[in-house]
Amino acid sequence: MANKFFAKVYRCQDEVILAACDQDVHGKTFENETMHLEVDSLFYGDELIDHDDLVSLFNTFTIANLVGSNIVKHAIDVGLVEPDNIINIEGVPHAQIARTL
């Protein structure tokens, strides 16, 4: 898989928060009638990672905020999120995940 992703990890007490998005949605804003989503580098970071790095990060987070078709599809494929729980904003998939490790 040649996809690249932007990702940033935050640590807050016992939580490991992953903010990650597809490269093609980074820096963009999406809106619909009820939601506004800014995929900016302040939150999602400015470090590009590859698929292997993403897999490693998927093994460590307790909370995740994911934006983009490729990253959300991967989260579905590995069982982190159910397709029915995906929010689409202007056709862009967005998933929020909370779990205990």
Protein backbone atom coordinates (compact mmCIF):
# COMPACT_ATOMS: atom_id res chain seq x y z
CA MET A 1 0.00 0.00 0.00
CA ALA A 2 1.62 3.25 -1.12
CA ASN A 3 -0.68 5.58 0.79
CA LYS A 4 0.84 8.18 3.08
CA PHE A 5 -0.81 9.62 6.16
CA PHE A 6 -0.31 12.56 8.47
CA ALA A 7 -0.31 11.62 12.13
CA LYS A 8 0.26 13.14 15.52
CA VAL A 9 0.21 11.39 18.90
CA TYR A 10 -0.78 13.08 22.15
CA ARG A 11 -0.32 11.66 25.63
CA CYS A 12 -2.65 12.84 28.37
CA GLN A 13 -2.52 10.97 31.67
CA ASP A 14 -3.32 7.33 30.77
CA GLU A 15 -4.63 8.14 27.29
CA VAL A 16 -2.75 7.90 24.00
CA ILE A 17 -4.59 10.02 21.44
CA LEU A 18 -3.96 9.49 17.74
CA ALA A 19 -4.98 12.14 15.24
CA ALA A 20 -4.39 10.86 11.71
CA CYS A 21 -5.59 11.59 8.19
CA ASP A 22 -5.03 10.72 4.56
CA GLN A 23 -2.47 12.90 2.82
CA ASP A 24 -5.05 14.20 0.31
CA VAL A 25 -7.38 15.68 2.97
CA HIS A 26 -4.67 17.33 5.09
CA GLY A 27 -5.12 21.09 5.27
CA LYS A 28 -8.71 21.02 4.01
CA THR A 29 -12.03 21.95 5.62
CA PHE A 30 -15.25 19.98 5.23
CA GLU A 31 -18.77 21.02 6.19
CA ASN A 32 -22.35 19.89 6.05
CA GLU A 33 -25.54 21.20 7.64
CA THR A 34 -24.50 20.22 11.17
CA MET A 35 -20.73 19.64 11.16
CA HIS A 36 -17.53 21.53 10.45
CA LEU A 37 -14.23 19.63 10.26
CA GLU A 38 -10.85 21.30 9.81
CA VAL A 39 -8.09 18.83 9.02
CA ASP A 40 -5.24 21.12 9.98
CA SER A 41 -1.61 20.50 10.83
CA LEU A 42 -2.00 21.87 14.36
CA PHE A 43 -4.09 18.84 15.32
CA TYR A 44 -3.20 16.21 12.70
CA GLY A 45 0.48 17.08 12.62
CA ASP A 46 2.89 17.68 9.79
CA GLU A 47 4.72 14.36 9.85
CA LEU A 48 4.03 12.02 6.92
CA ILE A 49 4.06 8.34 7.79
CA ASP A 50 3.69 5.21 5.71
CA HIS A 51 1.43 2.19 6.13
CA ASP A 52 3.85 0.32 8.43
CA ASP A 53 4.08 3.30 10.78
CA LEU A 54 0.29 3.56 10.78
CA VAL A 55 -0.05 -0.11 11.74
CA SER A 56 2.31 0.50 14.67
CA LEU A 57 0.30 3.52 15.82
CA PHE A 58 -2.95 1.55 15.52
CA ASN A 59 -1.55 -0.82 18.17
CA THR A 60 -0.95 1.93 20.73
CA PHE A 61 -3.84 4.38 20.91
CA THR A 62 -6.73 4.55 23.35
CA ILE A 63 -8.50 7.37 21.48
CA ALA A 64 -8.30 8.02 17.73
CA ASN A 65 -9.60 10.67 15.37
CA LEU A 66 -9.27 9.51 11.75
CA VAL A 67 -10.16 11.35 8.53
CA GLY A 68 -10.01 10.13 4.93
CA SER A 69 -11.09 7.19 2.80
CA ASN A 70 -7.85 5.19 3.05
CA ILE A 71 -7.23 5.49 6.77
CA VAL A 72 -10.85 4.86 7.72
CA LYS A 73 -11.02 1.84 5.38
CA HIS A 74 -7.90 0.43 7.03
CA ALA A 75 -9.45 0.97 10.49
CA ILE A 76 -12.55 -0.93 9.31
CA ASP A 77 -10.45 -3.72 7.75
CA VAL A 78 -8.56 -4.36 11.00
CA GLY A 79 -11.72 -4.25 13.11
CA LEU A 80 -11.21 -0.94 14.90
CA VAL A 81 -14.47 0.61 13.73
CA GLU A 82 -17.76 -0.60 12.28
CA PRO A 83 -18.82 0.87 8.91
CA ASP A 84 -22.15 1.99 10.42
CA ASN A 85 -20.27 4.24 12.86
CA ILE A 86 -18.52 6.30 10.19
CA ILE A 87 -19.55 9.93 9.73
CA ASN A 88 -19.31 11.34 6.20
CA ILE A 89 -18.76 15.07 5.80
CA GLU A 90 -18.85 16.17 2.16
CA GLY A 91 -18.25 12.52 1.27
CA VAL A 92 -15.09 12.29 3.40
CA PRO A 93 -15.17 9.50 6.03
CA HIS A 94 -14.46 10.46 9.64
CA ALA A 95 -14.15 8.03 12.54
CA GLN A 96 -13.66 8.55 16.26
CA ILE A 97 -12.60 5.57 18.30
CA ALA A 98 -12.24 5.04 22.05
CA ARG A 99 -10.98 1.79 23.52
CA THR A 100 -9.06 0.30 26.42
CA LEU A 101 -5.86 -1.63 25.86
